[in-house]
Amino acid sequence: MELFTPDFGLIFWMFVAFAVLFFVLWKWAWPVILKTVDSRADLIDKGVEYAQSAKEQLDHARESAQDVINDARRQQADMLREADKLKTQIIEQARSAAQVEAQKVMDSAKMQIEQQQKEAQLQFRNQVSEFALEIASKVVKNEMQDSKAQTQLVNTLLDEIESKN
């Protein structure tokens, strides 16, 4: 059983070796290990903060992008409404201008028709007058061949002149 029971000297030297090792580790290794662990913990904390900040910025960017998209859609809708109003206004202006122009053309056509009617009436009167004069001259010529009829015509004309004076 001696094999399993340690000797007092062995325990003492193992304790001294452990104490020296513990002291060396505590004095020089432990601060480096703690510093490394703390810096690693800080790095992890900063990474988490950075990830949270990046997530917040991404969320904010998404909201901002959605706001911009909504604003662009509103502007597009406003532009389409304005274009529709402008189209309607232009059509109405063109329609009213066409009506004014058509009225001018109709008035001008009426005036031309009236002028042509007056000219036609005047021409008709002139032709009727010419025909009447030709007929009258032929009738008078036939009637004036007789001297008695000539004398009677002259006397009638003289009577009319005297009655007017």
N, C-alpha and C. Protein backbone atom coordinates (compact mmCIF):
# COMPACT_ATOMS: atom_id res chain seq x y z
N MET A 1 0.79 -1.16 0.00
CA MET A 1 0.00 0.00 0.00
C MET A 1 0.85 1.25 0.00
N GLU A 2 2.02 1.04 0.13
CA GLU A 2 2.95 2.15 0.10
C GLU A 2 2.93 2.87 -1.24
N LEU A 3 2.57 2.16 -2.19
CA LEU A 3 2.56 2.73 -3.53
C LEU A 3 1.50 3.83 -3.63
N PHE A 4 0.44 3.66 -2.90
CA PHE A 4 -0.64 4.62 -3.00
C PHE A 4 -0.58 5.70 -1.95
N THR A 5 0.15 5.61 -0.95
CA THR A 5 0.25 6.62 0.10
C THR A 5 1.44 7.50 -0.19
N PRO A 6 1.24 8.76 -0.32
CA PRO A 6 2.37 9.64 -0.59
C PRO A 6 3.14 9.93 0.67
N ASP A 7 4.36 10.21 0.48
CA ASP A 7 5.28 10.55 1.55
C ASP A 7 5.11 12.04 1.87
N PHE A 8 5.44 12.41 3.20
CA PHE A 8 5.30 13.79 3.62
C PHE A 8 6.21 14.70 2.82
N GLY A 9 7.39 14.34 2.47
CA GLY A 9 8.33 15.14 1.72
C GLY A 9 7.80 15.41 0.31
N LEU A 10 7.21 14.40 -0.28
CA LEU A 10 6.65 14.57 -1.62
C LEU A 10 5.51 15.56 -1.59
N ILE A 11 4.65 15.48 -0.59
CA ILE A 11 3.53 16.40 -0.48
C ILE A 11 4.05 17.80 -0.24
N PHE A 12 5.07 17.94 0.64
CA PHE A 12 5.62 19.25 0.92
C PHE A 12 6.19 19.87 -0.34
N TRP A 13 7.01 19.15 -1.10
CA TRP A 13 7.62 19.71 -2.30
C TRP A 13 6.56 19.95 -3.40
N MET A 14 5.56 19.16 -3.43
CA MET A 14 4.48 19.40 -4.40
C MET A 14 3.72 20.67 -4.02
N PHE A 15 3.52 20.87 -2.70
CA PHE A 15 2.86 22.07 -2.23
C PHE A 15 3.71 23.30 -2.53
N VAL A 16 5.05 23.23 -2.29
CA VAL A 16 5.96 24.35 -2.56
C VAL A 16 5.96 24.63 -4.06
N ALA A 17 6.04 23.60 -4.88
CA ALA A 17 6.06 23.77 -6.33
C ALA A 17 4.73 24.40 -6.78
N PHE A 18 3.64 23.94 -6.18
CA PHE A 18 2.34 24.51 -6.54
C PHE A 18 2.27 25.97 -6.12
N ALA A 19 2.78 26.29 -4.89
CA ALA A 19 2.75 27.66 -4.40
C ALA A 19 3.60 28.56 -5.27
N VAL A 20 4.79 28.12 -5.69
CA VAL A 20 5.66 28.92 -6.56
C VAL A 20 4.97 29.12 -7.91
N LEU A 21 4.45 28.03 -8.44
CA LEU A 21 3.74 28.13 -9.73
C LEU A 21 2.54 29.06 -9.61
N PHE A 22 1.79 28.93 -8.50
CA PHE A 22 0.64 29.78 -8.29
C PHE A 22 1.06 31.25 -8.18
N PHE A 23 2.15 31.50 -7.43
CA PHE A 23 2.65 32.86 -7.25
C PHE A 23 3.08 33.44 -8.60
N VAL A 24 3.82 32.68 -9.42
CA VAL A 24 4.28 33.15 -10.74
C VAL A 24 3.08 33.41 -11.63
N LEU A 25 2.15 32.48 -11.61
CA LEU A 25 0.95 32.68 -12.44
C LEU A 25 0.16 33.88 -11.95
N TRP A 26 0.02 34.02 -10.62
CA TRP A 26 -0.75 35.13 -10.07
C TRP A 26 -0.07 36.45 -10.35
N LYS A 27 1.22 36.54 -10.28
CA LYS A 27 1.98 37.77 -10.43
C LYS A 27 2.08 38.18 -11.89
N TRP A 28 2.39 37.24 -12.79
CA TRP A 28 2.64 37.65 -14.18
C TRP A 28 1.62 37.11 -15.18
N ALA A 29 1.19 35.93 -15.07
CA ALA A 29 0.31 35.32 -16.08
C ALA A 29 -1.15 35.73 -15.89
N TRP A 30 -1.58 35.70 -14.62
CA TRP A 30 -2.99 36.01 -14.37
C TRP A 30 -3.37 37.41 -14.85
N PRO A 31 -2.62 38.49 -14.58
CA PRO A 31 -3.00 39.80 -15.09
C PRO A 31 -3.07 39.82 -16.63
N VAL A 32 -2.14 39.16 -17.30
CA VAL A 32 -2.16 39.12 -18.76
C VAL A 32 -3.40 38.38 -19.25
N ILE A 33 -3.69 37.25 -18.59
CA ILE A 33 -4.87 36.48 -18.97
C ILE A 33 -6.14 37.29 -18.73
N LEU A 34 -6.23 37.96 -17.54
CA LEU A 34 -7.40 38.78 -17.24
C LEU A 34 -7.52 39.96 -18.21
N LYS A 35 -6.37 40.57 -18.53
CA LYS A 35 -6.36 41.69 -19.46
C LYS A 35 -6.84 41.22 -20.84
N THR A 36 -6.36 40.08 -21.26
CA THR A 36 -6.76 39.53 -22.55
C THR A 36 -8.25 39.18 -22.55
N VAL A 37 -8.71 38.56 -21.45
CA VAL A 37 -10.13 38.21 -21.35
C VAL A 37 -10.98 39.48 -21.33
N ASP A 38 -10.55 40.50 -20.56
CA ASP A 38 -11.30 41.76 -20.51
C ASP A 38 -11.33 42.45 -21.87
N SER A 39 -10.18 42.49 -22.55
CA SER A 39 -10.14 43.13 -23.87
C SER A 39 -11.02 42.36 -24.86
N ARG A 40 -10.98 41.04 -24.72
CA ARG A 40 -11.83 40.21 -25.60
C ARG A 40 -13.29 40.47 -25.27
N ALA A 41 -13.63 40.59 -23.96
CA ALA A 41 -15.01 40.88 -23.56
C ALA A 41 -15.41 42.27 -24.07
N ASP A 42 -14.49 43.25 -23.96
CA ASP A 42 -14.78 44.59 -24.49
C ASP A 42 -14.99 44.55 -26.00
N LEU A 43 -14.14 43.79 -26.67
CA LEU A 43 -14.27 43.65 -28.12
C LEU A 43 -15.61 43.03 -28.49
N ILE A 44 -16.00 42.01 -27.74
CA ILE A 44 -17.30 41.36 -27.99
C ILE A 44 -18.44 42.34 -27.70
N ASP A 45 -18.33 43.09 -26.57
CA ASP A 45 -19.35 44.09 -26.24
C ASP A 45 -19.45 45.15 -27.32
N LYS A 46 -18.27 45.61 -27.78
CA LYS A 46 -18.27 46.62 -28.84
C LYS A 46 -18.86 46.06 -30.13
N GLY A 47 -18.56 44.81 -30.41
CA GLY A 47 -19.13 44.16 -31.60
C GLY A 47 -20.64 44.06 -31.49
N VAL A 48 -21.12 43.71 -30.29
CA VAL A 48 -22.57 43.63 -30.08
C VAL A 48 -23.19 45.02 -30.23
N GLU A 49 -22.55 46.04 -29.61
CA GLU A 49 -23.05 47.41 -29.72
C GLU A 49 -23.05 47.86 -31.18
N TYR A 50 -21.95 47.53 -31.88
CA TYR A 50 -21.85 47.90 -33.28
C TYR A 50 -22.94 47.21 -34.10
N ALA A 51 -23.19 45.93 -33.80
CA ALA A 51 -24.23 45.19 -34.51
C ALA A 51 -25.60 45.79 -34.22
N GLN A 52 -25.84 46.16 -32.93
CA GLN A 52 -27.12 46.77 -32.59
C GLN A 52 -27.26 48.13 -33.27
N SER A 53 -26.16 48.90 -33.26
CA SER A 53 -26.17 50.20 -33.92
C SER A 53 -26.42 50.04 -35.42
N ALA A 54 -25.74 49.05 -36.00
CA ALA A 54 -25.93 48.80 -37.44
C ALA A 54 -27.36 48.38 -37.73
N LYS A 55 -27.93 47.56 -36.84
CA LYS A 55 -29.33 47.13 -37.02
C LYS A 55 -30.26 48.32 -36.91
N GLU A 56 -30.01 49.20 -35.93
CA GLU A 56 -30.84 50.40 -35.78
C GLU A 56 -30.71 51.30 -37.01
N GLN A 57 -29.48 51.46 -37.49
CA GLN A 57 -29.27 52.29 -38.69
C GLN A 57 -29.95 51.67 -39.90
N LEU A 58 -29.87 50.35 -39.99
CA LEU A 58 -30.53 49.66 -41.10
C LEU A 58 -32.04 49.85 -41.01
N ASP A 59 -32.59 49.70 -39.79
CA ASP A 59 -34.03 49.91 -39.61
C ASP A 59 -34.40 51.34 -39.96
N HIS A 60 -33.57 52.29 -39.48
CA HIS A 60 -33.82 53.70 -39.78
C HIS A 60 -33.71 53.96 -41.28
N ALA A 61 -32.71 53.33 -41.92
CA ALA A 61 -32.54 53.50 -43.36
C ALA A 61 -33.74 52.91 -44.11
N ARG A 62 -34.25 51.77 -43.64
CA ARG A 62 -35.43 51.19 -44.27
C ARG A 62 -36.63 52.12 -44.14
N GLU A 63 -36.81 52.67 -42.91
CA GLU A 63 -37.92 53.60 -42.69
C GLU A 63 -37.75 54.83 -43.58
N SER A 64 -36.52 55.34 -43.63
CA SER A 64 -36.24 56.51 -44.45
C SER A 64 -36.49 56.21 -45.93
N ALA A 65 -36.04 55.04 -46.37
CA ALA A 65 -36.26 54.64 -47.76
C ALA A 65 -37.75 54.51 -48.04
N GLN A 66 -38.49 53.94 -47.10
CA GLN A 66 -39.94 53.80 -47.28
C GLN A 66 -40.60 55.17 -47.33
N ASP A 67 -40.13 56.10 -46.47
CA ASP A 67 -40.66 57.47 -46.51
C ASP A 67 -40.38 58.11 -47.86
N VAL A 68 -39.17 57.91 -48.35
CA VAL A 68 -38.81 58.49 -49.66
C VAL A 68 -39.67 57.88 -50.76
N ILE A 69 -39.87 56.57 -50.70
CA ILE A 69 -40.70 55.90 -51.70
C ILE A 69 -42.15 56.41 -51.63
N ASN A 70 -42.66 56.54 -50.40
CA ASN A 70 -44.03 57.05 -50.24
C ASN A 70 -44.14 58.47 -50.75
N ASP A 71 -43.13 59.29 -50.43
CA ASP A 71 -43.13 60.67 -50.91
C ASP A 71 -43.07 60.72 -52.43
N ALA A 72 -42.24 59.87 -53.01
CA ALA A 72 -42.14 59.82 -54.48
C ALA A 72 -43.47 59.38 -55.09
N ARG A 73 -44.14 58.43 -54.46
CA ARG A 73 -45.45 57.99 -54.97
C ARG A 73 -46.47 59.11 -54.88
N ARG A 74 -46.43 59.85 -53.74
CA ARG A 74 -47.35 60.99 -53.61
C ARG A 74 -47.07 62.03 -54.69
N GLN A 75 -45.80 62.32 -54.89
CA GLN A 75 -45.44 63.30 -55.92
C GLN A 75 -45.85 62.81 -57.30
N GLN A 76 -45.68 61.52 -57.56
CA GLN A 76 -46.08 60.96 -58.85
C GLN A 76 -47.59 61.11 -59.02
N ALA A 77 -48.35 60.80 -57.97
CA ALA A 77 -49.80 60.92 -58.04
C ALA A 77 -50.20 62.38 -58.26
N ASP A 78 -49.53 63.30 -57.54
CA ASP A 78 -49.80 64.72 -57.73
C ASP A 78 -49.49 65.15 -59.17
N MET A 79 -48.36 64.67 -59.69
CA MET A 79 -47.99 65.04 -61.06
C MET A 79 -49.00 64.49 -62.06
N LEU A 80 -49.46 63.26 -61.82
CA LEU A 80 -50.45 62.68 -62.73
C LEU A 80 -51.77 63.45 -62.67
N ARG A 81 -52.17 63.83 -61.44
CA ARG A 81 -53.39 64.64 -61.31
C ARG A 81 -53.22 65.98 -62.01
N GLU A 82 -52.08 66.61 -61.81
CA GLU A 82 -51.81 67.91 -62.44
C GLU A 82 -51.77 67.77 -63.96
N ALA A 83 -51.16 66.69 -64.45
CA ALA A 83 -51.11 66.46 -65.90
C ALA A 83 -52.51 66.23 -66.45
N ASP A 84 -53.35 65.51 -65.69
CA ASP A 84 -54.72 65.28 -66.13
C ASP A 84 -55.50 66.59 -66.17
N LYS A 85 -55.31 67.42 -65.14
CA LYS A 85 -55.96 68.74 -65.12
C LYS A 85 -55.51 69.57 -66.31
N LEU A 86 -54.19 69.56 -66.55
CA LEU A 86 -53.63 70.33 -67.65
C LEU A 86 -54.16 69.83 -68.98
N LYS A 87 -54.26 68.50 -69.11
CA LYS A 87 -54.79 67.91 -70.35
C LYS A 87 -56.23 68.36 -70.56
N THR A 88 -57.04 68.29 -69.49
CA THR A 88 -58.43 68.71 -69.59
C THR A 88 -58.53 70.19 -69.93
N GLN A 89 -57.68 70.98 -69.30
CA GLN A 89 -57.68 72.42 -69.56
C GLN A 89 -57.29 72.71 -71.01
N ILE A 90 -56.28 72.01 -71.51
CA ILE A 90 -55.85 72.23 -72.89
C ILE A 90 -56.95 71.81 -73.86
N ILE A 91 -57.60 70.68 -73.55
CA ILE A 91 -58.70 70.23 -74.42
C ILE A 91 -59.83 71.26 -74.42
N GLU A 92 -60.17 71.77 -73.24
CA GLU A 92 -61.23 72.78 -73.16
C GLU A 92 -60.84 74.05 -73.91
N GLN A 93 -59.58 74.47 -73.77
CA GLN A 93 -59.13 75.67 -74.49
C GLN A 93 -59.19 75.44 -76.00
N ALA A 94 -58.74 74.26 -76.42
CA ALA A 94 -58.77 73.95 -77.85
C ALA A 94 -60.21 73.88 -78.34
N ARG A 95 -61.10 73.31 -77.54
CA ARG A 95 -62.51 73.21 -77.92
C ARG A 95 -63.12 74.60 -78.04
N SER A 96 -62.86 75.47 -77.04
CA SER A 96 -63.43 76.81 -77.10
C SER A 96 -62.81 77.61 -78.25
N ALA A 97 -61.51 77.43 -78.50
CA ALA A 97 -60.88 78.13 -79.63
C ALA A 97 -61.47 77.63 -80.94
N ALA A 98 -61.72 76.32 -81.02
CA ALA A 98 -62.32 75.76 -82.24
C ALA A 98 -63.74 76.29 -82.42
N GLN A 99 -64.49 76.43 -81.32
CA GLN A 99 -65.84 76.96 -81.43
C GLN A 99 -65.81 78.42 -81.89
N VAL A 100 -64.87 79.20 -81.32
CA VAL A 100 -64.75 80.60 -81.72
C VAL A 100 -64.39 80.68 -83.20
N GLU A 101 -63.43 79.84 -83.61
CA GLU A 101 -62.99 79.85 -85.00
C GLU A 101 -64.14 79.40 -85.92
N ALA A 102 -64.88 78.37 -85.49
CA ALA A 102 -66.01 77.90 -86.28
C ALA A 102 -67.07 78.99 -86.39
N GLN A 103 -67.31 79.71 -85.29
CA GLN A 103 -68.28 80.81 -85.31
C GLN A 103 -67.82 81.91 -86.27
N LYS A 104 -66.50 82.20 -86.25
CA LYS A 104 -65.97 83.21 -87.18
C LYS A 104 -66.18 82.76 -88.62
N VAL A 105 -65.88 81.48 -88.88
CA VAL A 105 -66.04 80.95 -90.24
C VAL A 105 -67.51 81.01 -90.65
N MET A 106 -68.40 80.64 -89.72
CA MET A 106 -69.84 80.68 -90.03
C MET A 106 -70.31 82.11 -90.27
N ASP A 107 -69.86 83.04 -89.44
CA ASP A 107 -70.23 84.45 -89.63
C ASP A 107 -69.72 84.96 -90.96
N SER A 108 -68.47 84.60 -91.26
CA SER A 108 -67.89 85.02 -92.54
C SER A 108 -68.66 84.42 -93.70
N ALA A 109 -69.03 83.14 -93.56
CA ALA A 109 -69.80 82.48 -94.62
C ALA A 109 -71.16 83.14 -94.76
N LYS A 110 -71.82 83.49 -93.66
CA LYS A 110 -73.11 84.18 -93.72
C LYS A 110 -72.98 85.51 -94.45
N MET A 111 -71.92 86.25 -94.08
CA MET A 111 -71.71 87.55 -94.71
C MET A 111 -71.46 87.37 -96.21
N GLN A 112 -70.68 86.37 -96.57
CA GLN A 112 -70.42 86.13 -97.99
C GLN A 112 -71.71 85.73 -98.71
N ILE A 113 -72.50 84.88 -98.05
CA ILE A 113 -73.77 84.47 -98.67
C ILE A 113 -74.68 85.67 -98.85
N GLU A 114 -74.78 86.51 -97.80
CA GLU A 114 -75.62 87.71 -97.91
C GLU A 114 -75.11 88.63 -99.01
N GLN A 115 -73.80 88.80 -99.06
CA GLN A 115 -73.21 89.65 -100.09
C GLN A 115 -73.49 89.07 -101.48
N GLN A 116 -73.35 87.75 -101.61
CA GLN A 116 -73.61 87.12 -102.91
C GLN A 116 -75.10 87.21 -103.26
N GLN A 117 -75.98 87.11 -102.24
CA GLN A 117 -77.41 87.26 -102.50
C GLN A 117 -77.72 88.68 -103.01
N LYS A 118 -77.10 89.67 -102.31
CA LYS A 118 -77.34 91.06 -102.72
C LYS A 118 -76.83 91.29 -104.14
N GLU A 119 -75.63 90.73 -104.42
CA GLU A 119 -75.07 90.88 -105.76
C GLU A 119 -75.96 90.17 -106.79
N ALA A 120 -76.46 88.97 -106.43
CA ALA A 120 -77.34 88.23 -107.34
C ALA A 120 -78.64 89.00 -107.57
N GLN A 121 -79.21 89.58 -106.49
CA GLN A 121 -80.44 90.36 -106.63
C GLN A 121 -80.20 91.59 -107.52
N LEU A 122 -79.05 92.25 -107.26
CA LEU A 122 -78.73 93.43 -108.06
C LEU A 122 -78.54 93.05 -109.53
N GLN A 123 -77.86 91.94 -109.76
CA GLN A 123 -77.65 91.45 -111.12
C GLN A 123 -79.00 91.10 -111.76
N PHE A 124 -79.83 90.42 -110.95
CA PHE A 124 -81.15 90.04 -111.45
C PHE A 124 -81.96 91.28 -111.82
N ARG A 125 -81.94 92.30 -110.95
CA ARG A 125 -82.66 93.56 -111.22
C ARG A 125 -82.13 94.23 -112.49
N ASN A 126 -80.79 94.25 -112.57
CA ASN A 126 -80.21 94.87 -113.76
C ASN A 126 -80.64 94.14 -115.02
N GLN A 127 -80.62 92.81 -114.99
CA GLN A 127 -81.03 92.03 -116.16
C GLN A 127 -82.51 92.24 -116.46
N VAL A 128 -83.33 92.24 -115.38
CA VAL A 128 -84.77 92.47 -115.57
C VAL A 128 -84.99 93.88 -116.15
N SER A 129 -84.23 94.84 -115.63
CA SER A 129 -84.36 96.22 -116.14
C SER A 129 -83.97 96.28 -117.61
N GLU A 130 -82.87 95.62 -117.95
CA GLU A 130 -82.44 95.60 -119.36
C GLU A 130 -83.50 94.97 -120.25
N PHE A 131 -84.04 93.80 -119.76
CA PHE A 131 -85.08 93.14 -120.55
C PHE A 131 -86.31 94.03 -120.68
N ALA A 132 -86.67 94.68 -119.55
CA ALA A 132 -87.85 95.56 -119.58
C ALA A 132 -87.63 96.72 -120.53
N LEU A 133 -86.42 97.28 -120.50
CA LEU A 133 -86.13 98.40 -121.41
C LEU A 133 -86.15 97.93 -122.87
N GLU A 134 -85.60 96.76 -123.11
CA GLU A 134 -85.62 96.23 -124.48
C GLU A 134 -87.05 96.00 -124.94
N ILE A 135 -87.83 95.39 -124.05
CA ILE A 135 -89.23 95.12 -124.40
C ILE A 135 -89.97 96.45 -124.61
N ALA A 136 -89.73 97.41 -123.68
CA ALA A 136 -90.40 98.71 -123.78
C ALA A 136 -90.00 99.43 -125.05
N SER A 137 -88.68 99.34 -125.36
CA SER A 137 -88.24 100.04 -126.57
C SER A 137 -88.85 99.40 -127.81
N LYS A 138 -88.97 98.07 -127.81
CA LYS A 138 -89.58 97.40 -128.96
C LYS A 138 -91.07 97.75 -129.05
N VAL A 139 -91.75 97.78 -127.89
CA VAL A 139 -93.17 98.12 -127.86
C VAL A 139 -93.36 99.56 -128.31
N VAL A 140 -92.54 100.46 -127.78
CA VAL A 140 -92.65 101.90 -128.11
C VAL A 140 -92.33 102.09 -129.60
N LYS A 141 -91.36 101.37 -130.08
CA LYS A 141 -90.98 101.49 -131.49
C LYS A 141 -92.15 101.07 -132.38
N ASN A 142 -92.79 99.96 -132.01
CA ASN A 142 -93.93 99.50 -132.80
C ASN A 142 -95.08 100.50 -132.70
N GLU A 143 -95.28 101.06 -131.53
CA GLU A 143 -96.39 101.98 -131.30
C GLU A 143 -96.10 103.34 -131.92
N MET A 144 -94.86 103.71 -131.99
CA MET A 144 -94.50 105.04 -132.47
C MET A 144 -94.42 105.10 -134.00
N GLN A 145 -94.64 104.08 -134.62
CA GLN A 145 -94.62 104.11 -136.08
C GLN A 145 -95.82 104.91 -136.60
N ASP A 146 -96.82 104.91 -135.81
CA ASP A 146 -98.02 105.67 -136.18
C ASP A 146 -97.87 107.09 -135.69
N SER A 147 -98.09 108.13 -136.49
CA SER A 147 -97.90 109.54 -136.10
C SER A 147 -98.94 109.98 -135.11
N LYS A 148 -100.11 109.43 -135.16
CA LYS A 148 -101.15 109.77 -134.21
C LYS A 148 -100.73 109.31 -132.82
N ALA A 149 -100.15 108.14 -132.68
CA ALA A 149 -99.70 107.62 -131.41
C ALA A 149 -98.53 108.45 -130.89
N GLN A 150 -97.71 108.95 -131.81
CA GLN A 150 -96.58 109.80 -131.39
C GLN A 150 -97.11 111.09 -130.82
N THR A 151 -98.04 111.69 -131.41
CA THR A 151 -98.61 112.95 -130.95
C THR A 151 -99.29 112.74 -129.60
N GLN A 152 -100.00 111.68 -129.45
CA GLN A 152 -100.69 111.41 -128.19
C GLN A 152 -99.68 111.20 -127.06
N LEU A 153 -98.56 110.51 -127.32
CA LEU A 153 -97.52 110.29 -126.31
C LEU A 153 -96.88 111.59 -125.89
N VAL A 154 -96.55 112.44 -126.84
CA VAL A 154 -95.94 113.74 -126.54
C VAL A 154 -96.90 114.57 -125.72
N ASN A 155 -98.18 114.60 -126.05
CA ASN A 155 -99.17 115.38 -125.29
C ASN A 155 -99.29 114.84 -123.86
N THR A 156 -99.26 113.54 -123.67
CA THR A 156 -99.37 112.93 -122.34
C THR A 156 -98.16 113.31 -121.51
N LEU A 157 -97.00 113.26 -122.10
CA LEU A 157 -95.78 113.62 -121.37
C LEU A 157 -95.80 115.09 -120.98
N LEU A 158 -96.26 115.94 -121.88
CA LEU A 158 -96.34 117.38 -121.58
C LEU A 158 -97.34 117.64 -120.47
N ASP A 159 -98.44 116.92 -120.47
CA ASP A 159 -99.44 117.08 -119.42
C ASP A 159 -98.87 116.67 -118.05
N GLU A 160 -98.09 115.60 -118.04
CA GLU A 160 -97.48 115.14 -116.79
C GLU A 160 -96.47 116.16 -116.28
N ILE A 161 -95.71 116.76 -117.19
CA ILE A 161 -94.70 117.76 -116.78
C ILE A 161 -95.40 118.97 -116.22
N GLU A 162 -96.48 119.40 -116.84
CA GLU A 162 -97.22 120.59 -116.38
C GLU A 162 -97.87 120.31 -115.03
N SER A 163 -98.36 119.13 -114.82
CA SER A 163 -99.02 118.82 -113.56
C SER A 163 -98.02 118.75 -112.39
N LYS A 164 -96.78 118.39 -112.66
CA LYS A 164 -95.75 118.33 -111.62
C LYS A 164 -95.29 119.72 -111.23
N ASN A 165 -95.35 120.67 -112.17
CA ASN A 165 -94.89 122.04 -111.88
C ASN A 165 -95.99 122.79 -111.30
